[in-house]
Amino acid sequence: MPKLRVHGFSISIDGYGAGPSQDLNNPLGIGGIALHDWAFATRTFRKMFGMDGGTTGIDDDFAERGFNNVGAWIMGRNMFGPIRGPWPDDAWKGWWGNNPPYHTPVFVLTNHPRASITMNGGTAFHFVTDGIYAALQRAVDAANGQDVRLGGGISTIRQYLSERLGRPGQGAAPRAEGVAAGRSCFPALARRMSS
């Protein structure tokens, strides 16, 4: 039976997974990129982006496991890009260039319809407007018996976990600075820690 997995999504020790004010210069919000420093240095992530080298060891092992047996992804619209509201046109194709690192079908949760986009390397972005259950069913069907990975962002992960649909496998980043006004994975905890 395929699993719905959250794997390698970093959160700060106080529960934040993104910083505030996402824009073209800050894809993970202000300060959010620091949460993923551990991953960007690994051989697995460097290879995904066409670079040589990278660290090996426990972080790389963890990162590599996150891509094993994944046949489809689900992500929220904010993870796909910074555009809010109706799509102004079809120009935006994600943060990753012509060859995104997914190499599988990716189902993007959104309130605004858009035609699917086929990219180089086997990634195809499909925009789902009828909710998390519909996206999950489409992803499971597309995954051909492999697992489905939740890529984020925080709101998407929280929606699936609150419905008890996903299996967490998150990594905690040992930092709390710079993201405390962003998106919390655990809003009740964030409220308690800030009061």
C-alpha atoms as a PDB file:
ATOM      1  CA  MET A   1       0.000   0.000   0.000  1.00  0.00           C
ATOM      2  CA  PRO A   2       1.494   3.384  -0.962  1.00  0.00           C
ATOM      3  CA  LYS A   3       2.210   5.835   1.859  1.00  0.00           C
ATOM      4  CA  LEU A   4       1.710   9.572   1.974  1.00  0.00           C
ATOM      5  CA  ARG A   5       5.009  10.854   3.405  1.00  0.00           C
ATOM      6  CA  VAL A   6       6.355  14.088   4.787  1.00  0.00           C
ATOM      7  CA  HIS A   7      10.089  13.607   4.540  1.00  0.00           C
ATOM      8  CA  GLY A   8      12.982  16.030   4.953  1.00  0.00           C
ATOM      9  CA  PHE A   9      10.785  19.074   5.481  1.00  0.00           C
ATOM     10  CA  SER A  10      12.699  21.208   7.949  1.00  0.00           C
ATOM     11  CA  ILE A  11      11.096  22.987  10.844  1.00  0.00           C
ATOM     12  CA  SER A  12      12.715  25.191  13.452  1.00  0.00           C
ATOM     13  CA  ILE A  13      12.824  24.110  17.071  1.00  0.00           C
ATOM     14  CA  ASP A  14       9.829  26.368  17.696  1.00  0.00           C
ATOM     15  CA  GLY A  15       7.789  24.812  14.890  1.00  0.00           C
ATOM     16  CA  TYR A  16       8.255  27.148  11.918  1.00  0.00           C
ATOM     17  CA  GLY A  17       8.833  25.820   8.412  1.00  0.00           C
ATOM     18  CA  ALA A  18       8.989  29.094   6.476  1.00  0.00           C
ATOM     19  CA  GLY A  19       9.700  32.728   7.112  1.00  0.00           C
ATOM     20  CA  PRO A  20       7.400  35.687   6.502  1.00  0.00           C
ATOM     21  CA  SER A  21       7.056  37.694   3.285  1.00  0.00           C
ATOM     22  CA  GLN A  22       7.639  35.127   0.545  1.00  0.00           C
ATOM     23  CA  ASP A  23       8.626  36.764  -2.744  1.00  0.00           C
ATOM     24  CA  LEU A  24      10.873  36.146  -5.766  1.00  0.00           C
ATOM     25  CA  ASN A  25      13.989  36.847  -3.690  1.00  0.00           C
ATOM     26  CA  ASN A  26      12.833  34.835  -0.673  1.00  0.00           C
ATOM     27  CA  PRO A  27      11.158  31.623  -1.893  1.00  0.00           C
ATOM     28  CA  LEU A  28      10.907  30.305   1.677  1.00  0.00           C
ATOM     29  CA  GLY A  29      10.178  33.712   3.197  1.00  0.00           C
ATOM     30  CA  ILE A  30      12.676  35.935   4.981  1.00  0.00           C
ATOM     31  CA  GLY A  31      15.039  33.690   6.952  1.00  0.00           C
ATOM     32  CA  GLY A  32      13.338  30.493   5.782  1.00  0.00           C
ATOM     33  CA  ILE A  33      16.218  29.284   3.605  1.00  0.00           C
ATOM     34  CA  ALA A  34      18.379  28.847   6.740  1.00  0.00           C
ATOM     35  CA  LEU A  35      16.105  26.019   7.867  1.00  0.00           C
ATOM     36  CA  HIS A  36      17.311  23.947   4.932  1.00  0.00           C
ATOM     37  CA  ASP A  37      21.059  24.615   5.117  1.00  0.00           C
ATOM     38  CA  TRP A  38      21.623  21.036   6.289  1.00  0.00           C
ATOM     39  CA  ALA A  39      20.009  19.684   3.112  1.00  0.00           C
ATOM     40  CA  PHE A  40      21.566  22.001   0.541  1.00  0.00           C
ATOM     41  CA  ALA A  41      25.055  20.845   1.516  1.00  0.00           C
ATOM     42  CA  THR A  42      24.304  17.130   0.959  1.00  0.00           C
ATOM     43  CA  ARG A  43      25.420  15.103  -2.017  1.00  0.00           C
ATOM     44  CA  THR A  44      21.785  14.168  -2.694  1.00  0.00           C
ATOM     45  CA  PHE A  45      20.577  17.754  -3.037  1.00  0.00           C
ATOM     46  CA  ARG A  46      23.626  18.916  -4.975  1.00  0.00           C
ATOM     47  CA  LYS A  47      23.125  16.056  -7.434  1.00  0.00           C
ATOM     48  CA  MET A  48      19.436  17.005  -7.839  1.00  0.00           C
ATOM     49  CA  PHE A  49      20.520  20.434  -9.020  1.00  0.00           C
ATOM     50  CA  GLY A  50      23.285  19.195 -11.338  1.00  0.00           C
ATOM     51  CA  MET A  51      26.225  19.933  -9.026  1.00  0.00           C
ATOM     52  CA  ASP A  52      29.094  17.723  -7.948  1.00  0.00           C
ATOM     53  CA  GLY A  53      30.310  16.978  -4.426  1.00  0.00           C
ATOM     54  CA  GLY A  54      28.381  17.464  -1.233  1.00  0.00           C
ATOM     55  CA  THR A  55      28.443  16.069   2.252  1.00  0.00           C
ATOM     56  CA  THR A  56      27.789  12.452   3.065  1.00  0.00           C
ATOM     57  CA  GLY A  57      26.753  10.891   6.324  1.00  0.00           C
ATOM     58  CA  ILE A  58      23.557  11.073   8.339  1.00  0.00           C
ATOM     59  CA  ASP A  59      22.117  14.201   6.649  1.00  0.00           C
ATOM     60  CA  ASP A  60      22.743  12.821   3.178  1.00  0.00           C
ATOM     61  CA  ASP A  61      21.331   9.420   4.158  1.00  0.00           C
ATOM     62  CA  PHE A  62      18.197  11.126   5.459  1.00  0.00           C
ATOM     63  CA  ALA A  63      17.856  13.281   2.323  1.00  0.00           C
ATOM     64  CA  GLU A  64      18.365  10.301   0.008  1.00  0.00           C
ATOM     65  CA  ARG A  65      15.718   8.209   1.804  1.00  0.00           C
ATOM     66  CA  GLY A  66      13.224  10.972   1.158  1.00  0.00           C
ATOM     67  CA  PHE A  67      13.388  10.312  -2.579  1.00  0.00           C
ATOM     68  CA  ASN A  68      13.301   6.504  -2.471  1.00  0.00           C
ATOM     69  CA  ASN A  69      10.121   4.909  -3.817  1.00  0.00           C
ATOM     70  CA  VAL A  70       8.389   8.251  -4.551  1.00  0.00           C
ATOM     71  CA  GLY A  71       6.065   8.126  -7.549  1.00  0.00           C
ATOM     72  CA  ALA A  72       4.282  11.486  -7.136  1.00  0.00           C
ATOM     73  CA  TRP A  73       4.370  14.672  -5.075  1.00  0.00           C
ATOM     74  CA  ILE A  74       1.772  17.016  -3.603  1.00  0.00           C
ATOM     75  CA  MET A  75       2.570  20.629  -2.789  1.00  0.00           C
ATOM     76  CA  GLY A  76       0.744  23.826  -1.998  1.00  0.00           C
ATOM     77  CA  ARG A  77       0.563  26.763  -4.316  1.00  0.00           C
ATOM     78  CA  ASN A  78       2.986  28.837  -2.220  1.00  0.00           C
ATOM     79  CA  MET A  79       5.618  26.137  -2.613  1.00  0.00           C
ATOM     80  CA  PHE A  80       5.094  26.283  -6.377  1.00  0.00           C
ATOM     81  CA  GLY A  81       5.492  30.049  -6.492  1.00  0.00           C
ATOM     82  CA  PRO A  82       4.860  33.484  -4.990  1.00  0.00           C
ATOM     83  CA  ILE A  83       1.846  34.411  -7.153  1.00  0.00           C
ATOM     84  CA  ARG A  84      -1.397  34.966  -5.242  1.00  0.00           C
ATOM     85  CA  GLY A  85      -4.949  35.059  -6.574  1.00  0.00           C
ATOM     86  CA  PRO A  86      -5.889  34.138 -10.152  1.00  0.00           C
ATOM     87  CA  TRP A  87      -2.983  33.212 -12.415  1.00  0.00           C
ATOM     88  CA  PRO A  88      -2.177  36.321 -14.486  1.00  0.00           C
ATOM     89  CA  ASP A  89      -0.820  34.120 -17.296  1.00  0.00           C
ATOM     90  CA  ASP A  90       1.040  30.823 -17.796  1.00  0.00           C
ATOM     91  CA  ALA A  91       4.551  32.307 -17.586  1.00  0.00           C
ATOM     92  CA  TRP A  92       5.399  31.098 -14.042  1.00  0.00           C
ATOM     93  CA  LYS A  93       6.567  27.468 -14.099  1.00  0.00           C
ATOM     94  CA  GLY A  94       7.961  27.096 -10.578  1.00  0.00           C
ATOM     95  CA  TRP A  95      11.144  28.052  -8.758  1.00  0.00           C
ATOM     96  CA  TRP A  96      13.315  25.317 -10.273  1.00  0.00           C
ATOM     97  CA  GLY A  97      13.903  26.172 -13.943  1.00  0.00           C
ATOM     98  CA  ASN A  98      13.169  23.880 -16.895  1.00  0.00           C
ATOM     99  CA  ASN A  99      14.206  20.666 -15.117  1.00  0.00           C
ATOM    100  CA  PRO A 100      12.638  20.617 -11.621  1.00  0.00           C
ATOM    101  CA  PRO A 101      14.037  18.054  -9.161  1.00  0.00           C
ATOM    102  CA  TYR A 102      10.837  15.994  -8.836  1.00  0.00           C
ATOM    103  CA  HIS A 103      10.936  13.842 -12.009  1.00  0.00           C
ATOM    104  CA  THR A 104       7.402  12.585 -11.284  1.00  0.00           C
ATOM    105  CA  PRO A 105       3.887  14.032 -11.496  1.00  0.00           C
ATOM    106  CA  VAL A 106       3.398  16.874  -8.976  1.00  0.00           C
ATOM    107  CA  PHE A 107      -0.076  17.909  -7.808  1.00  0.00           C
ATOM    108  CA  VAL A 108      -0.309  21.565  -6.780  1.00  0.00           C
ATOM    109  CA  LEU A 109      -3.186  22.536  -4.494  1.00  0.00           C
ATOM    110  CA  THR A 110      -4.748  25.829  -5.569  1.00  0.00           C
ATOM    111  CA  ASN A 111      -8.067  27.667  -5.657  1.00  0.00           C
ATOM    112  CA  HIS A 112      -7.439  28.885  -9.210  1.00  0.00           C
ATOM    113  CA  PRO A 113      -7.557  26.568 -12.252  1.00  0.00           C
ATOM    114  CA  ARG A 114      -4.588  26.292 -14.562  1.00  0.00           C
ATOM    115  CA  ALA A 115      -3.574  23.899 -17.335  1.00  0.00           C
ATOM    116  CA  SER A 116      -0.966  21.247 -16.496  1.00  0.00           C
ATOM    117  CA  ILE A 117       2.679  21.981 -17.302  1.00  0.00           C
ATOM    118  CA  THR A 118       5.064  19.301 -18.575  1.00  0.00           C
ATOM    119  CA  MET A 119       8.699  20.056 -17.799  1.00  0.00           C
ATOM    120  CA  ASN A 120      12.026  18.430 -18.698  1.00  0.00           C
ATOM    121  CA  GLY A 121      13.140  15.366 -16.743  1.00  0.00           C
ATOM    122  CA  GLY A 122       9.692  13.838 -16.226  1.00  0.00           C
ATOM    123  CA  THR A 123       8.144  16.470 -13.939  1.00  0.00           C
ATOM    124  CA  ALA A 124       4.570  17.442 -14.773  1.00  0.00           C
ATOM    125  CA  PHE A 125       2.731  19.983 -12.624  1.00  0.00           C
ATOM    126  CA  HIS A 126      -1.026  19.395 -12.307  1.00  0.00           C
ATOM    127  CA  PHE A 127      -3.167  22.037 -10.581  1.00  0.00           C
ATOM    128  CA  VAL A 128      -5.877  20.656  -8.305  1.00  0.00           C
ATOM    129  CA  THR A 129      -8.775  22.907  -7.293  1.00  0.00           C
ATOM    130  CA  ASP A 130     -11.029  20.369  -5.569  1.00  0.00           C
ATOM    131  CA  GLY A 131      -9.148  19.864  -2.305  1.00  0.00           C
ATOM    132  CA  ILE A 132      -6.666  17.657  -0.505  1.00  0.00           C
ATOM    133  CA  TYR A 133      -8.561  14.387  -0.920  1.00  0.00           C
ATOM    134  CA  ALA A 134      -8.837  14.846  -4.694  1.00  0.00           C
ATOM    135  CA  ALA A 135      -5.135  15.710  -4.923  1.00  0.00           C
ATOM    136  CA  LEU A 136      -4.242  12.642  -2.874  1.00  0.00           C
ATOM    137  CA  GLN A 137      -6.356  10.339  -5.046  1.00  0.00           C
ATOM    138  CA  ARG A 138      -4.831  11.728  -8.236  1.00  0.00           C
ATOM    139  CA  ALA A 139      -1.318  11.444  -6.793  1.00  0.00           C
ATOM    140  CA  VAL A 140      -1.853   7.848  -5.616  1.00  0.00           C
ATOM    141  CA  ASP A 141      -3.182   6.905  -9.059  1.00  0.00           C
ATOM    142  CA  ALA A 142      -0.214   8.561 -10.775  1.00  0.00           C
ATOM    143  CA  ALA A 143       2.353   7.014  -8.405  1.00  0.00           C
ATOM    144  CA  ASN A 144       1.738   3.481  -9.738  1.00  0.00           C
ATOM    145  CA  GLY A 145       2.118   1.764  -6.366  1.00  0.00           C
ATOM    146  CA  GLN A 146       4.943   3.963  -5.129  1.00  0.00           C
ATOM    147  CA  ASP A 147       4.654   6.447  -2.264  1.00  0.00           C
ATOM    148  CA  VAL A 148       3.388  10.024  -2.505  1.00  0.00           C
ATOM    149  CA  ARG A 149       5.524  12.717  -0.912  1.00  0.00           C
ATOM    150  CA  LEU A 150       4.137  15.915   0.581  1.00  0.00           C
ATOM    151  CA  GLY A 151       6.551  18.627  -0.414  1.00  0.00           C
ATOM    152  CA  GLY A 152       5.006  21.441   1.585  1.00  0.00           C
ATOM    153  CA  GLY A 153       4.457  24.145   2.451  1.00  0.00           C
ATOM    154  CA  ILE A 154       3.404  24.320   6.024  1.00  0.00           C
ATOM    155  CA  SER A 155      -0.310  24.821   5.327  1.00  0.00           C
ATOM    156  CA  THR A 156      -0.441  21.799   3.019  1.00  0.00           C
ATOM    157  CA  ILE A 157       1.400  19.549   5.461  1.00  0.00           C
ATOM    158  CA  ARG A 158      -0.778  20.714   8.328  1.00  0.00           C
ATOM    159  CA  GLN A 159      -3.974  19.999   6.344  1.00  0.00           C
ATOM    160  CA  TYR A 160      -2.953  16.420   5.541  1.00  0.00           C
ATOM    161  CA  LEU A 161      -1.585  15.626   8.995  1.00  0.00           C
ATOM    162  CA  SER A 162      -4.660  17.068  10.711  1.00  0.00           C
ATOM    163  CA  GLU A 163      -6.754  14.642   8.644  1.00  0.00           C
ATOM    164  CA  ARG A 164      -4.339  11.857   9.694  1.00  0.00           C
ATOM    165  CA  LEU A 165      -3.496  11.168   6.076  1.00  0.00           C
ATOM    166  CA  GLY A 166       0.301  11.525   6.127  1.00  0.00           C
ATOM    167  CA  ARG A 167       3.308  10.034   7.910  1.00  0.00           C
ATOM    168  CA  PRO A 168       5.711  12.626   9.301  1.00  0.00           C
ATOM    169  CA  GLY A 169       9.410  12.203   8.716  1.00  0.00           C
ATOM    170  CA  GLN A 170      10.458  15.795   9.254  1.00  0.00           C
ATOM    171  CA  GLY A 171      13.864  17.077  10.183  1.00  0.00           C
ATOM    172  CA  ALA A 172      14.274  19.720  12.861  1.00  0.00           C
ATOM    173  CA  ALA A 173      16.657  22.571  12.212  1.00  0.00           C
ATOM    174  CA  PRO A 174      18.312  23.788  15.436  1.00  0.00           C
ATOM    175  CA  ARG A 175      17.444  27.429  14.972  1.00  0.00           C
ATOM    176  CA  ALA A 176      14.597  29.678  15.994  1.00  0.00           C
ATOM    177  CA  GLU A 177      15.792  33.060  14.783  1.00  0.00           C
ATOM    178  CA  GLY A 178      14.565  34.808  11.674  1.00  0.00           C
ATOM    179  CA  VAL A 179      11.416  32.811  11.018  1.00  0.00           C
ATOM    180  CA  ALA A 180       9.203  33.388  14.061  1.00  0.00           C
ATOM    181  CA  ALA A 181       6.785  35.546  12.077  1.00  0.00           C
ATOM    182  CA  GLY A 182       6.457  33.003   9.284  1.00  0.00           C
ATOM    183  CA  ARG A 183       4.412  29.842   8.894  1.00  0.00           C
ATOM    184  CA  SER A 184       4.183  27.568  11.904  1.00  0.00           C
ATOM    185  CA  CYS A 185       3.650  23.849  11.545  1.00  0.00           C
ATOM    186  CA  PHE A 186       2.232  23.812  15.051  1.00  0.00           C
ATOM    187  CA  PRO A 187       0.360  27.112  15.530  1.00  0.00           C
ATOM    188  CA  ALA A 188      -0.811  26.349  19.085  1.00  0.00           C
ATOM    189  CA  LEU A 189       2.797  25.687  20.130  1.00  0.00           C
ATOM    190  CA  ALA A 190       3.958  28.873  18.410  1.00  0.00           C
ATOM    191  CA  ARG A 191       1.328  30.928  20.269  1.00  0.00           C
ATOM    192  CA  ARG A 192       2.377  29.432  23.622  1.00  0.00           C
ATOM    193  CA  MET A 193       6.075  30.038  22.976  1.00  0.00           C
ATOM    194  CA  SER A 194       5.551  33.666  21.925  1.00  0.00           C
ATOM    195  CA  SER A 195       3.398  34.609  24.934  1.00  0.00           C
END
